[in-house]
Amino acid sequence: SGINFRLYTMNWYRQAPEKQRERVATATSDGTTNYTESVKGRFT
């Protein structure tokens, strides 16, 4: 809410206990997606 959602790249990150936050997946405004290697084929 409060942003023009469709214009922006959106990301999912995760942070496991005692680990750095890592980017898991990205969806650009034109629908392009990419994933960190460890979740490819399992996450969408």
PDB file of all heavy atoms in Angstrom:
ATOM      1  N   SER A   1       0.857  -1.186   0.000  1.00  0.00           N
ATOM      2  CA  SER A   1       0.000   0.000   0.000  1.00  0.00           C
ATOM      3  C   SER A   1       0.891   1.232   0.000  1.00  0.00           C
ATOM      4  O   SER A   1       2.030   1.196   0.475  1.00  0.00           O
ATOM      5  CB  SER A   1      -0.926   0.008   1.216  1.00  0.00           C
ATOM      6  OG  SER A   1      -0.171   0.023   2.416  1.00  0.00           O
ATOM      7  N   GLY A   2       0.368   2.302  -0.558  1.00  0.00           N
ATOM      8  CA  GLY A   2       1.111   3.557  -0.527  1.00  0.00           C
ATOM      9  C   GLY A   2       2.185   3.704  -1.576  1.00  0.00           C
ATOM     10  O   GLY A   2       2.896   4.724  -1.584  1.00  0.00           O
ATOM     11  N   ILE A   3       2.344   2.693  -2.437  1.00  0.00           N
ATOM     12  CA  ILE A   3       3.303   2.804  -3.533  1.00  0.00           C
ATOM     13  C   ILE A   3       2.609   2.382  -4.825  1.00  0.00           C
ATOM     14  O   ILE A   3       1.622   1.642  -4.785  1.00  0.00           O
ATOM     15  CB  ILE A   3       4.565   1.937  -3.321  1.00  0.00           C
ATOM     16  CG1 ILE A   3       4.214   0.443  -3.260  1.00  0.00           C
ATOM     17  CG2 ILE A   3       5.308   2.366  -2.070  1.00  0.00           C
ATOM     18  CD1 ILE A   3       5.413  -0.465  -3.300  1.00  0.00           C
ATOM     19  N   ASN A   4       3.144   2.826  -5.938  1.00  0.00           N
ATOM     20  CA  ASN A   4       2.618   2.423  -7.244  1.00  0.00           C
ATOM     21  C   ASN A   4       3.237   1.071  -7.584  1.00  0.00           C
ATOM     22  O   ASN A   4       4.190   0.957  -8.348  1.00  0.00           O
ATOM     23  CB  ASN A   4       2.948   3.472  -8.292  1.00  0.00           C
ATOM     24  CG  ASN A   4       2.076   3.325  -9.513  1.00  0.00           C
ATOM     25  OD1 ASN A   4       1.476   2.266  -9.733  1.00  0.00           O
ATOM     26  ND2 ASN A   4       1.997   4.371 -10.316  1.00  0.00           N
ATOM     27  N   PHE A   5       2.628   0.036  -7.002  1.00  0.00           N
ATOM     28  CA  PHE A   5       3.201  -1.313  -6.960  1.00  0.00           C
ATOM     29  C   PHE A   5       3.700  -1.787  -8.319  1.00  0.00           C
ATOM     30  O   PHE A   5       4.792  -2.342  -8.429  1.00  0.00           O
ATOM     31  CB  PHE A   5       2.132  -2.261  -6.400  1.00  0.00           C
ATOM     32  CG  PHE A   5       2.533  -3.699  -6.322  1.00  0.00           C
ATOM     33  CD1 PHE A   5       3.254  -4.170  -5.237  1.00  0.00           C
ATOM     34  CD2 PHE A   5       2.157  -4.596  -7.320  1.00  0.00           C
ATOM     35  CE1 PHE A   5       3.610  -5.511  -5.141  1.00  0.00           C
ATOM     36  CE2 PHE A   5       2.502  -5.930  -7.236  1.00  0.00           C
ATOM     37  CZ  PHE A   5       3.235  -6.390  -6.143  1.00  0.00           C
ATOM     38  N   ARG A   6       2.924  -1.576  -9.353  1.00  0.00           N
ATOM     39  CA  ARG A   6       3.224  -2.184 -10.645  1.00  0.00           C
ATOM     40  C   ARG A   6       4.517  -1.648 -11.264  1.00  0.00           C
ATOM     41  O   ARG A   6       5.065  -2.256 -12.175  1.00  0.00           O
ATOM     42  CB  ARG A   6       2.066  -1.966 -11.612  1.00  0.00           C
ATOM     43  CG  ARG A   6       1.836  -0.505 -11.977  1.00  0.00           C
ATOM     44  CD  ARG A   6       0.623  -0.340 -12.893  1.00  0.00           C
ATOM     45  NE  ARG A   6       0.384   1.061 -13.208  1.00  0.00           N
ATOM     46  CZ  ARG A   6       0.979   1.698 -14.193  1.00  0.00           C
ATOM     47  NH1 ARG A   6       1.839   1.063 -14.973  1.00  0.00           N
ATOM     48  NH2 ARG A   6       0.709   2.974 -14.411  1.00  0.00           N
ATOM     49  N   LEU A   7       4.999  -0.524 -10.776  1.00  0.00           N
ATOM     50  CA  LEU A   7       6.180   0.091 -11.375  1.00  0.00           C
ATOM     51  C   LEU A   7       7.499  -0.450 -10.837  1.00  0.00           C
ATOM     52  O   LEU A   7       8.556  -0.213 -11.430  1.00  0.00           O
ATOM     53  CB  LEU A   7       6.164   1.604 -11.139  1.00  0.00           C
ATOM     54  CG  LEU A   7       5.033   2.394 -11.761  1.00  0.00           C
ATOM     55  CD1 LEU A   7       5.197   3.876 -11.443  1.00  0.00           C
ATOM     56  CD2 LEU A   7       4.960   2.169 -13.270  1.00  0.00           C
ATOM     57  N   TYR A   8       7.448  -1.169  -9.727  1.00  0.00           N
ATOM     58  CA  TYR A   8       8.681  -1.471  -9.001  1.00  0.00           C
ATOM     59  C   TYR A   8       9.032  -2.944  -8.960  1.00  0.00           C
ATOM     60  O   TYR A   8       8.172  -3.820  -8.883  1.00  0.00           O
ATOM     61  CB  TYR A   8       8.583  -0.932  -7.573  1.00  0.00           C
ATOM     62  CG  TYR A   8       8.438   0.562  -7.552  1.00  0.00           C
ATOM     63  CD1 TYR A   8       7.209   1.157  -7.272  1.00  0.00           C
ATOM     64  CD2 TYR A   8       9.512   1.386  -7.849  1.00  0.00           C
ATOM     65  CE1 TYR A   8       7.067   2.529  -7.285  1.00  0.00           C
ATOM     66  CE2 TYR A   8       9.378   2.762  -7.865  1.00  0.00           C
ATOM     67  CZ  TYR A   8       8.155   3.320  -7.580  1.00  0.00           C
ATOM     68  OH  TYR A   8       8.011   4.683  -7.594  1.00  0.00           O
ATOM     69  N   THR A   9      10.332  -3.190  -9.006  1.00  0.00           N
ATOM     70  CA  THR A   9      10.857  -4.521  -8.745  1.00  0.00           C
ATOM     71  C   THR A   9      10.571  -4.893  -7.297  1.00  0.00           C
ATOM     72  O   THR A   9      10.758  -4.079  -6.394  1.00  0.00           O
ATOM     73  CB  THR A   9      12.367  -4.554  -9.007  1.00  0.00           C
ATOM     74  OG1 THR A   9      12.600  -4.383 -10.410  1.00  0.00           O
ATOM     75  CG2 THR A   9      12.979  -5.874  -8.567  1.00  0.00           C
ATOM     76  N   MET A  10      10.099  -6.123  -7.114  1.00  0.00           N
ATOM     77  CA  MET A  10       9.777  -6.622  -5.782  1.00  0.00           C
ATOM     78  C   MET A  10      10.666  -7.821  -5.463  1.00  0.00           C
ATOM     79  O   MET A  10      10.970  -8.627  -6.338  1.00  0.00           O
ATOM     80  CB  MET A  10       8.312  -7.041  -5.694  1.00  0.00           C
ATOM     81  CG  MET A  10       7.319  -5.934  -5.980  1.00  0.00           C
ATOM     82  SD  MET A  10       7.361  -4.622  -4.753  1.00  0.00           S
ATOM     83  CE  MET A  10       6.936  -5.510  -3.276  1.00  0.00           C
ATOM     84  N   ASN A  11      11.043  -7.932  -4.206  1.00  0.00           N
ATOM     85  CA  ASN A  11      11.951  -8.985  -3.769  1.00  0.00           C
ATOM     86  C   ASN A  11      11.415  -9.708  -2.540  1.00  0.00           C
ATOM     87  O   ASN A  11      10.699  -9.120  -1.724  1.00  0.00           O
ATOM     88  CB  ASN A  11      13.307  -8.389  -3.373  1.00  0.00           C
ATOM     89  CG  ASN A  11      13.927  -7.533  -4.448  1.00  0.00           C
ATOM     90  OD1 ASN A  11      14.274  -8.028  -5.517  1.00  0.00           O
ATOM     91  ND2 ASN A  11      14.048  -6.251  -4.183  1.00  0.00           N
ATOM     92  N   TRP A  12      11.821 -10.953  -2.416  1.00  0.00           N
ATOM     93  CA  TRP A  12      11.713 -11.689  -1.156  1.00  0.00           C
ATOM     94  C   TRP A  12      13.137 -11.922  -0.645  1.00  0.00           C
ATOM     95  O   TRP A  12      14.013 -12.363  -1.390  1.00  0.00           O
ATOM     96  CB  TRP A  12      11.027 -13.028  -1.339  1.00  0.00           C
ATOM     97  CG  TRP A  12       9.556 -12.949  -1.504  1.00  0.00           C
ATOM     98  CD1 TRP A  12       8.844 -13.070  -2.661  1.00  0.00           C
ATOM     99  CD2 TRP A  12       8.584 -12.749  -0.468  1.00  0.00           C
ATOM    100  NE1 TRP A  12       7.500 -12.957  -2.416  1.00  0.00           N
ATOM    101  CE2 TRP A  12       7.314 -12.754  -1.060  1.00  0.00           C
ATOM    102  CE3 TRP A  12       8.665 -12.568   0.920  1.00  0.00           C
ATOM    103  CZ2 TRP A  12       6.130 -12.582  -0.339  1.00  0.00           C
ATOM    104  CZ3 TRP A  12       7.510 -12.400   1.636  1.00  0.00           C
ATOM    105  CH2 TRP A  12       6.250 -12.404   1.018  1.00  0.00           C
ATOM    106  N   TYR A  13      13.344 -11.624   0.626  1.00  0.00           N
ATOM    107  CA  TYR A  13      14.586 -11.914   1.327  1.00  0.00           C
ATOM    108  C   TYR A  13      14.263 -12.875   2.464  1.00  0.00           C
ATOM    109  O   TYR A  13      13.113 -13.016   2.873  1.00  0.00           O
ATOM    110  CB  TYR A  13      15.177 -10.636   1.932  1.00  0.00           C
ATOM    111  CG  TYR A  13      15.911  -9.743   0.979  1.00  0.00           C
ATOM    112  CD1 TYR A  13      15.218  -8.921   0.100  1.00  0.00           C
ATOM    113  CD2 TYR A  13      17.300  -9.683   0.974  1.00  0.00           C
ATOM    114  CE1 TYR A  13      15.884  -8.070  -0.771  1.00  0.00           C
ATOM    115  CE2 TYR A  13      17.986  -8.829   0.116  1.00  0.00           C
ATOM    116  CZ  TYR A  13      17.267  -8.030  -0.752  1.00  0.00           C
ATOM    117  OH  TYR A  13      17.941  -7.184  -1.597  1.00  0.00           O
ATOM    118  N   ARG A  14      15.316 -13.468   2.996  1.00  0.00           N
ATOM    119  CA  ARG A  14      15.148 -14.259   4.207  1.00  0.00           C
ATOM    120  C   ARG A  14      16.385 -14.117   5.082  1.00  0.00           C
ATOM    121  O   ARG A  14      17.480 -13.833   4.596  1.00  0.00           O
ATOM    122  CB  ARG A  14      14.889 -15.741   3.891  1.00  0.00           C
ATOM    123  CG  ARG A  14      16.063 -16.480   3.267  1.00  0.00           C
ATOM    124  CD  ARG A  14      15.643 -17.891   2.903  1.00  0.00           C
ATOM    125  NE  ARG A  14      16.732 -18.627   2.262  1.00  0.00           N
ATOM    126  CZ  ARG A  14      16.589 -19.834   1.721  1.00  0.00           C
ATOM    127  NH1 ARG A  14      15.415 -20.448   1.738  1.00  0.00           N
ATOM    128  NH2 ARG A  14      17.625 -20.432   1.162  1.00  0.00           N
ATOM    129  N   GLN A  15      16.155 -14.335   6.366  1.00  0.00           N
ATOM    130  CA  GLN A  15      17.255 -14.295   7.321  1.00  0.00           C
ATOM    131  C   GLN A  15      17.092 -15.435   8.308  1.00  0.00           C
ATOM    132  O   GLN A  15      16.122 -15.464   9.083  1.00  0.00           O
ATOM    133  CB  GLN A  15      17.308 -12.958   8.052  1.00  0.00           C
ATOM    134  CG  GLN A  15      18.538 -12.803   8.921  1.00  0.00           C
ATOM    135  CD  GLN A  15      18.780 -11.377   9.360  1.00  0.00           C
ATOM    136  OE1 GLN A  15      17.904 -10.527   9.303  1.00  0.00           O
ATOM    137  NE2 GLN A  15      20.008 -11.094   9.776  1.00  0.00           N
ATOM    138  N   ALA A  16      18.040 -16.363   8.235  1.00  0.00           N
ATOM    139  CA  ALA A  16      18.058 -17.485   9.169  1.00  0.00           C
ATOM    140  C   ALA A  16      18.806 -17.064  10.435  1.00  0.00           C
ATOM    141  O   ALA A  16      19.581 -16.107  10.418  1.00  0.00           O
ATOM    142  CB  ALA A  16      18.733 -18.681   8.516  1.00  0.00           C
ATOM    143  N   PRO A  17      18.580 -17.783  11.531  1.00  0.00           N
ATOM    144  CA  PRO A  17      19.258 -17.440  12.780  1.00  0.00           C
ATOM    145  C   PRO A  17      20.775 -17.385  12.605  1.00  0.00           C
ATOM    146  O   PRO A  17      21.369 -18.284  12.006  1.00  0.00           O
ATOM    147  CB  PRO A  17      18.856 -18.575  13.719  1.00  0.00           C
ATOM    148  CG  PRO A  17      17.557 -19.043  13.192  1.00  0.00           C
ATOM    149  CD  PRO A  17      17.643 -18.904  11.701  1.00  0.00           C
ATOM    150  N   GLU A  18      21.368 -16.302  13.063  1.00  0.00           N
ATOM    151  CA  GLU A  18      22.824 -16.101  13.055  1.00  0.00           C
ATOM    152  C   GLU A  18      23.405 -16.069  11.644  1.00  0.00           C
ATOM    153  O   GLU A  18      24.597 -16.322  11.460  1.00  0.00           O
ATOM    154  CB  GLU A  18      23.520 -17.165  13.914  1.00  0.00           C
ATOM    155  CG  GLU A  18      23.060 -17.136  15.368  1.00  0.00           C
ATOM    156  CD  GLU A  18      23.788 -18.154  16.230  1.00  0.00           C
ATOM    157  OE1 GLU A  18      24.641 -18.878  15.689  1.00  0.00           O
ATOM    158  OE2 GLU A  18      23.512 -18.208  17.431  1.00  0.00           O
ATOM    159  N   LYS A  19      22.580 -15.761  10.662  1.00  0.00           N
ATOM    160  CA  LYS A  19      23.063 -15.630   9.286  1.00  0.00           C
ATOM    161  C   LYS A  19      22.673 -14.275   8.730  1.00  0.00           C
ATOM    162  O   LYS A  19      21.760 -13.611   9.243  1.00  0.00           O
ATOM    163  CB  LYS A  19      22.510 -16.749   8.403  1.00  0.00           C
ATOM    164  CG  LYS A  19      23.065 -18.117   8.732  1.00  0.00           C
ATOM    165  CD  LYS A  19      22.680 -19.137   7.674  1.00  0.00           C
ATOM    166  CE  LYS A  19      23.324 -20.482   7.953  1.00  0.00           C
ATOM    167  NZ  LYS A  19      22.964 -21.489   6.906  1.00  0.00           N
ATOM    168  N   GLN A  20      23.349 -13.881   7.661  1.00  0.00           N
ATOM    169  CA  GLN A  20      23.013 -12.615   7.024  1.00  0.00           C
ATOM    170  C   GLN A  20      21.736 -12.753   6.212  1.00  0.00           C
ATOM    171  O   GLN A  20      21.385 -13.834   5.733  1.00  0.00           O
ATOM    172  CB  GLN A  20      24.166 -12.174   6.110  1.00  0.00           C
ATOM    173  CG  GLN A  20      25.399 -11.704   6.864  1.00  0.00           C
ATOM    174  CD  GLN A  20      26.417 -11.069   5.937  1.00  0.00           C
ATOM    175  OE1 GLN A  20      26.484 -11.392   4.758  1.00  0.00           O
ATOM    176  NE2 GLN A  20      27.213 -10.148   6.465  1.00  0.00           N
ATOM    177  N   ARG A  21      21.054 -11.649   6.060  1.00  0.00           N
ATOM    178  CA  ARG A  21      19.870 -11.632   5.219  1.00  0.00           C
ATOM    179  C   ARG A  21      20.308 -11.861   3.775  1.00  0.00           C
ATOM    180  O   ARG A  21      21.283 -11.282   3.310  1.00  0.00           O
ATOM    181  CB  ARG A  21      19.161 -10.287   5.360  1.00  0.00           C
ATOM    182  CG  ARG A  21      17.781 -10.236   4.770  1.00  0.00           C
ATOM    183  CD  ARG A  21      17.067  -8.955   5.108  1.00  0.00           C
ATOM    184  NE  ARG A  21      16.808  -8.840   6.537  1.00  0.00           N
ATOM    185  CZ  ARG A  21      16.025  -7.920   7.074  1.00  0.00           C
ATOM    186  NH1 ARG A  21      15.421  -7.026   6.299  1.00  0.00           N
ATOM    187  NH2 ARG A  21      15.848  -7.872   8.376  1.00  0.00           N
ATOM    188  N   GLU A  22      19.557 -12.706   3.065  1.00  0.00           N
ATOM    189  CA  GLU A  22      19.883 -13.003   1.676  1.00  0.00           C
ATOM    190  C   GLU A  22      18.652 -12.806   0.800  1.00  0.00           C
ATOM    191  O   GLU A  22      17.524 -13.071   1.230  1.00  0.00           O
ATOM    192  CB  GLU A  22      20.413 -14.435   1.505  1.00  0.00           C
ATOM    193  CG  GLU A  22      19.415 -15.525   1.788  1.00  0.00           C
ATOM    194  CD  GLU A  22      19.863 -16.912   1.328  1.00  0.00           C
ATOM    195  OE1 GLU A  22      20.800 -17.004   0.509  1.00  0.00           O
ATOM    196  OE2 GLU A  22      19.266 -17.893   1.793  1.00  0.00           O
ATOM    197  N   ARG A  23      18.890 -12.373  -0.423  1.00  0.00           N
ATOM    198  CA  ARG A  23      17.796 -12.229  -1.372  1.00  0.00           C
ATOM    199  C   ARG A  23      17.450 -13.594  -1.943  1.00  0.00           C
ATOM    200  O   ARG A  23      18.329 -14.303  -2.421  1.00  0.00           O
ATOM    201  CB  ARG A  23      18.159 -11.249  -2.479  1.00  0.00           C
ATOM    202  CG  ARG A  23      17.022 -10.948  -3.429  1.00  0.00           C
ATOM    203  CD  ARG A  23      17.392  -9.823  -4.393  1.00  0.00           C
ATOM    204  NE  ARG A  23      18.578 -10.177  -5.167  1.00  0.00           N
ATOM    205  CZ  ARG A  23      18.552 -10.910  -6.270  1.00  0.00           C
ATOM    206  NH1 ARG A  23      17.388 -11.363  -6.732  1.00  0.00           N
ATOM    207  NH2 ARG A  23      19.656 -11.184  -6.935  1.00  0.00           N
ATOM    208  N   VAL A  24      16.189 -13.929  -1.918  1.00  0.00           N
ATOM    209  CA  VAL A  24      15.729 -15.247  -2.345  1.00  0.00           C
ATOM    210  C   VAL A  24      15.197 -15.201  -3.768  1.00  0.00           C
ATOM    211  O   VAL A  24      15.500 -16.077  -4.579  1.00  0.00           O
ATOM    212  CB  VAL A  24      14.637 -15.761  -1.392  1.00  0.00           C
ATOM    213  CG1 VAL A  24      14.041 -17.065  -1.897  1.00  0.00           C
ATOM    214  CG2 VAL A  24      15.190 -15.929   0.018  1.00  0.00           C
ATOM    215  N   ALA A  25      14.365 -14.207  -4.062  1.00  0.00           N
ATOM    216  CA  ALA A  25      13.708 -14.152  -5.362  1.00  0.00           C
ATOM    217  C   ALA A  25      13.342 -12.714  -5.693  1.00  0.00           C
ATOM    218  O   ALA A  25      13.106 -11.907  -4.792  1.00  0.00           O
ATOM    219  CB  ALA A  25      12.456 -15.021  -5.371  1.00  0.00           C
ATOM    220  N   THR A  26      13.296 -12.436  -6.991  1.00  0.00           N
ATOM    221  CA  THR A  26      12.985 -11.096  -7.494  1.00  0.00           C
ATOM    222  C   THR A  26      11.997 -11.180  -8.635  1.00  0.00           C
ATOM    223  O   THR A  26      12.097 -12.090  -9.467  1.00  0.00           O
ATOM    224  CB  THR A  26      14.267 -10.405  -7.993  1.00  0.00           C
ATOM    225  OG1 THR A  26      15.137 -10.192  -6.883  1.00  0.00           O
ATOM    226  CG2 THR A  26      13.976  -9.080  -8.665  1.00  0.00           C
ATOM    227  N   ALA A  27      11.061 -10.245  -8.663  1.00  0.00           N
ATOM    228  CA  ALA A  27      10.140 -10.107  -9.795  1.00  0.00           C
ATOM    229  C   ALA A  27      10.166  -8.648 -10.228  1.00  0.00           C
ATOM    230  O   ALA A  27       9.802  -7.760  -9.457  1.00  0.00           O
ATOM    231  CB  ALA A  27       8.727 -10.523  -9.399  1.00  0.00           C
ATOM    232  N   THR A  28      10.622  -8.410 -11.457  1.00  0.00           N
ATOM    233  CA  THR A  28      10.688  -7.040 -11.947  1.00  0.00           C
ATOM    234  C   THR A  28       9.313  -6.560 -12.399  1.00  0.00           C
ATOM    235  O   THR A  28       8.345  -7.331 -12.462  1.00  0.00           O
ATOM    236  CB  THR A  28      11.670  -6.928 -13.115  1.00  0.00           C
ATOM    237  OG1 THR A  28      11.142  -7.660 -14.228  1.00  0.00           O
ATOM    238  CG2 THR A  28      13.038  -7.476 -12.755  1.00  0.00           C
ATOM    239  N   SER A  29       9.230  -5.294 -12.737  1.00  0.00           N
ATOM    240  CA  SER A  29       7.944  -4.724 -13.139  1.00  0.00           C
ATOM    241  C   SER A  29       7.440  -5.324 -14.449  1.00  0.00           C
ATOM    242  O   SER A  29       6.226  -5.342 -14.693  1.00  0.00           O
ATOM    243  CB  SER A  29       8.059  -3.206 -13.276  1.00  0.00           C
ATOM    244  OG  SER A  29       9.056  -2.874 -14.225  1.00  0.00           O
ATOM    245  N   ASP A  30       8.340  -5.836 -15.285  1.00  0.00           N
ATOM    246  CA  ASP A  30       7.903  -6.448 -16.547  1.00  0.00           C
ATOM    247  C   ASP A  30       7.717  -7.953 -16.425  1.00  0.00           C
ATOM    248  O   ASP A  30       7.491  -8.623 -17.427  1.00  0.00           O
ATOM    249  CB  ASP A  30       8.880  -6.122 -17.683  1.00  0.00           C
ATOM    250  CG  ASP A  30      10.247  -6.761 -17.498  1.00  0.00           C
ATOM    251  OD1 ASP A  30      10.452  -7.448 -16.484  1.00  0.00           O
ATOM    252  OD2 ASP A  30      11.111  -6.566 -18.373  1.00  0.00           O
ATOM    253  N   GLY A  31       7.823  -8.472 -15.205  1.00  0.00           N
ATOM    254  CA  GLY A  31       7.539  -9.880 -14.974  1.00  0.00           C
ATOM    255  C   GLY A  31       8.744 -10.802 -15.000  1.00  0.00           C
ATOM    256  O   GLY A  31       8.598 -12.005 -14.783  1.00  0.00           O
ATOM    257  N   THR A  32       9.906 -10.273 -15.243  1.00  0.00           N
ATOM    258  CA  THR A  32      11.110 -11.102 -15.198  1.00  0.00           C
ATOM    259  C   THR A  32      11.375 -11.549 -13.771  1.00  0.00           C
ATOM    260  O   THR A  32      11.220 -10.766 -12.830  1.00  0.00           O
ATOM    261  CB  THR A  32      12.315 -10.320 -15.726  1.00  0.00           C
ATOM    262  OG1 THR A  32      12.045  -9.889 -17.069  1.00  0.00           O
ATOM    263  CG2 THR A  32      13.569 -11.174 -15.722  1.00  0.00           C
ATOM    264  N   THR A  33      11.763 -12.818 -13.632  1.00  0.00           N
ATOM    265  CA  THR A  33      12.026 -13.345 -12.298  1.00  0.00           C
ATOM    266  C   THR A  33      13.428 -13.924 -12.232  1.00  0.00           C
ATOM    267  O   THR A  33      13.985 -14.364 -13.249  1.00  0.00           O
ATOM    268  CB  THR A  33      11.017 -14.437 -11.918  1.00  0.00           C
ATOM    269  OG1 THR A  33      11.101 -15.503 -12.877  1.00  0.00           O
ATOM    270  CG2 THR A  33       9.605 -13.891 -11.894  1.00  0.00           C
ATOM    271  N   ASN A  34      13.992 -13.909 -11.045  1.00  0.00           N
ATOM    272  CA  ASN A  34      15.223 -14.662 -10.819  1.00  0.00           C
ATOM    273  C   ASN A  34      15.278 -15.088  -9.359  1.00  0.00           C
ATOM    274  O   ASN A  34      14.567 -14.551  -8.508  1.00  0.00           O
ATOM    275  CB  ASN A  34      16.466 -13.895 -11.250  1.00  0.00           C
ATOM    276  CG  ASN A  34      16.651 -12.605 -10.518  1.00  0.00           C
ATOM    277  OD1 ASN A  34      16.914 -12.580  -9.322  1.00  0.00           O
ATOM    278  ND2 ASN A  34      16.515 -11.495 -11.232  1.00  0.00           N
ATOM    279  N   TYR A  35      16.118 -16.102  -9.117  1.00  0.00           N
ATOM    280  CA  TYR A  35      16.136 -16.799  -7.837  1.00  0.00           C
ATOM    281  C   TYR A  35      17.571 -17.081  -7.409  1.00  0.00           C
ATOM    282  O   TYR A  35      18.454 -17.278  -8.239  1.00  0.00           O
ATOM    283  CB  TYR A  35      15.412 -18.147  -7.962  1.00  0.00           C
ATOM    284  CG  TYR A  35      13.992 -18.036  -8.413  1.00  0.00           C
ATOM    285  CD1 TYR A  35      13.663 -18.052  -9.765  1.00  0.00           C
ATOM    286  CD2 TYR A  35      12.960 -17.909  -7.484  1.00  0.00           C
ATOM    287  CE1 TYR A  35      12.352 -17.932 -10.196  1.00  0.00           C
ATOM    288  CE2 TYR A  35      11.642 -17.798  -7.898  1.00  0.00           C
ATOM    289  CZ  TYR A  35      11.353 -17.799  -9.248  1.00  0.00           C
ATOM    290  OH  TYR A  35      10.051 -17.684  -9.654  1.00  0.00           O
ATOM    291  N   THR A  36      17.762 -17.122  -6.096  1.00  0.00           N
ATOM    292  CA  THR A  36      19.032 -17.614  -5.613  1.00  0.00           C
ATOM    293  C   THR A  36      19.118 -19.104  -5.908  1.00  0.00           C
ATOM    294  O   THR A  36      18.090 -19.812  -5.982  1.00  0.00           O
ATOM    295  CB  THR A  36      19.189 -17.342  -4.104  1.00  0.00           C
ATOM    296  OG1 THR A  36      20.532 -17.542  -3.726  1.00  0.00           O
ATOM    297  CG2 THR A  36      18.262 -18.208  -3.269  1.00  0.00           C
ATOM    298  N   GLU A  37      20.329 -19.580  -6.105  1.00  0.00           N
ATOM    299  CA  GLU A  37      20.523 -20.942  -6.608  1.00  0.00           C
ATOM    300  C   GLU A  37      19.852 -22.002  -5.735  1.00  0.00           C
ATOM    301  O   GLU A  37      19.294 -22.982  -6.254  1.00  0.00           O
ATOM    302  CB  GLU A  37      22.019 -21.226  -6.714  1.00  0.00           C
ATOM    303  CG  GLU A  37      22.368 -22.474  -7.516  1.00  0.00           C
ATOM    304  CD  GLU A  37      21.975 -22.377  -8.972  1.00  0.00           C
ATOM    305  OE1 GLU A  37      22.027 -21.267  -9.539  1.00  0.00           O
ATOM    306  OE2 GLU A  37      21.608 -23.425  -9.547  1.00  0.00           O
ATOM    307  N   SER A  38      19.871 -21.809  -4.436  1.00  0.00           N
ATOM    308  CA  SER A  38      19.401 -22.850  -3.525  1.00  0.00           C
ATOM    309  C   SER A  38      17.888 -23.079  -3.586  1.00  0.00           C
ATOM    310  O   SER A  38      17.401 -24.090  -3.077  1.00  0.00           O
ATOM    311  CB  SER A  38      19.799 -22.517  -2.088  1.00  0.00           C
ATOM    312  OG  SER A  38      19.212 -21.301  -1.672  1.00  0.00           O
ATOM    313  N   VAL A  39      17.138 -22.167  -4.199  1.00  0.00           N
ATOM    314  CA  VAL A  39      15.674 -22.334  -4.244  1.00  0.00           C
ATOM    315  C   VAL A  39      15.158 -22.541  -5.660  1.00  0.00           C
ATOM    316  O   VAL A  39      13.955 -22.758  -5.848  1.00  0.00           O
ATOM    317  CB  VAL A  39      14.941 -21.130  -3.587  1.00  0.00           C
ATOM    318  CG1 VAL A  39      15.494 -20.856  -2.199  1.00  0.00           C
ATOM    319  CG2 VAL A  39      14.989 -19.884  -4.459  1.00  0.00           C
ATOM    320  N   LYS A  40      16.033 -22.501  -6.643  1.00  0.00           N
ATOM    321  CA  LYS A  40      15.592 -22.688  -8.026  1.00  0.00           C
ATOM    322  C   LYS A  40      14.907 -24.032  -8.193  1.00  0.00           C
ATOM    323  O   LYS A  40      15.388 -25.054  -7.716  1.00  0.00           O
ATOM    324  CB  LYS A  40      16.791 -22.585  -8.974  1.00  0.00           C
ATOM    325  CG  LYS A  40      17.267 -21.167  -9.209  1.00  0.00           C
ATOM    326  CD  LYS A  40      18.445 -21.129 -10.185  1.00  0.00           C
ATOM    327  CE  LYS A  40      18.918 -19.710 -10.412  1.00  0.00           C
ATOM    328  NZ  LYS A  40      20.104 -19.653 -11.306  1.00  0.00           N
ATOM    329  N   GLY A  41      13.777 -23.990  -8.878  1.00  0.00           N
ATOM    330  CA  GLY A  41      13.016 -25.214  -9.106  1.00  0.00           C
ATOM    331  C   GLY A  41      12.074 -25.580  -7.974  1.00  0.00           C
ATOM    332  O   GLY A  41      11.243 -26.475  -8.126  1.00  0.00           O
ATOM    333  N   ARG A  42      12.187 -24.888  -6.838  1.00  0.00           N
ATOM    334  CA  ARG A  42      11.302 -25.180  -5.697  1.00  0.00           C
ATOM    335  C   ARG A  42      10.416 -23.988  -5.351  1.00  0.00           C
ATOM    336  O   ARG A  42       9.284 -24.170  -4.921  1.00  0.00           O
ATOM    337  CB  ARG A  42      12.148 -25.543  -4.472  1.00  0.00           C
ATOM    338  CG  ARG A  42      13.032 -26.754  -4.657  1.00  0.00           C
ATOM    339  CD  ARG A  42      13.679 -27.177  -3.335  1.00  0.00           C
ATOM    340  NE  ARG A  42      14.565 -26.152  -2.791  1.00  0.00           N
ATOM    341  CZ  ARG A  42      14.412 -25.598  -1.578  1.00  0.00           C
ATOM    342  NH1 ARG A  42      13.409 -25.976  -0.804  1.00  0.00           N
ATOM    343  NH2 ARG A  42      15.266 -24.678  -1.149  1.00  0.00           N
ATOM    344  N   PHE A  43      10.923 -22.784  -5.500  1.00  0.00           N
ATOM    345  CA  PHE A  43      10.181 -21.566  -5.162  1.00  0.00           C
ATOM    346  C   PHE A  43       9.753 -20.857  -6.445  1.00  0.00           C
ATOM    347  O   PHE A  43      10.489 -20.854  -7.438  1.00  0.00           O
ATOM    348  CB  PHE A  43      11.041 -20.616  -4.342  1.00  0.00           C
ATOM    349  CG  PHE A  43      11.360 -21.055  -2.942  1.00  0.00           C
ATOM    350  CD1 PHE A  43      11.098 -22.343  -2.495  1.00  0.00           C
ATOM    351  CD2 PHE A  43      11.931 -20.155  -2.053  1.00  0.00           C
ATOM    352  CE1 PHE A  43      11.398 -22.741  -1.200  1.00  0.00           C
ATOM    353  CE2 PHE A  43      12.239 -20.528  -0.754  1.00  0.00           C
ATOM    354  CZ  PHE A  43      11.977 -21.819  -0.329  1.00  0.00           C
ATOM    355  N   THR A  44       8.606 -20.210  -6.379  1.00  0.00           N
ATOM    356  CA  THR A  44       8.116 -19.409  -7.494  1.00  0.00           C
ATOM    357  C   THR A  44       7.607 -18.074  -6.973  1.00  0.00           C
ATOM    358  O   THR A  44       6.729 -18.040  -6.095  1.00  0.00           O
ATOM    359  CB  THR A  44       6.985 -20.121  -8.243  1.00  0.00           C
ATOM    360  OG1 THR A  44       7.438 -21.401  -8.696  1.00  0.00           O
ATOM    361  CG2 THR A  44       6.533 -19.300  -9.441  1.00  0.00           C
TER     362      THR A  44
END
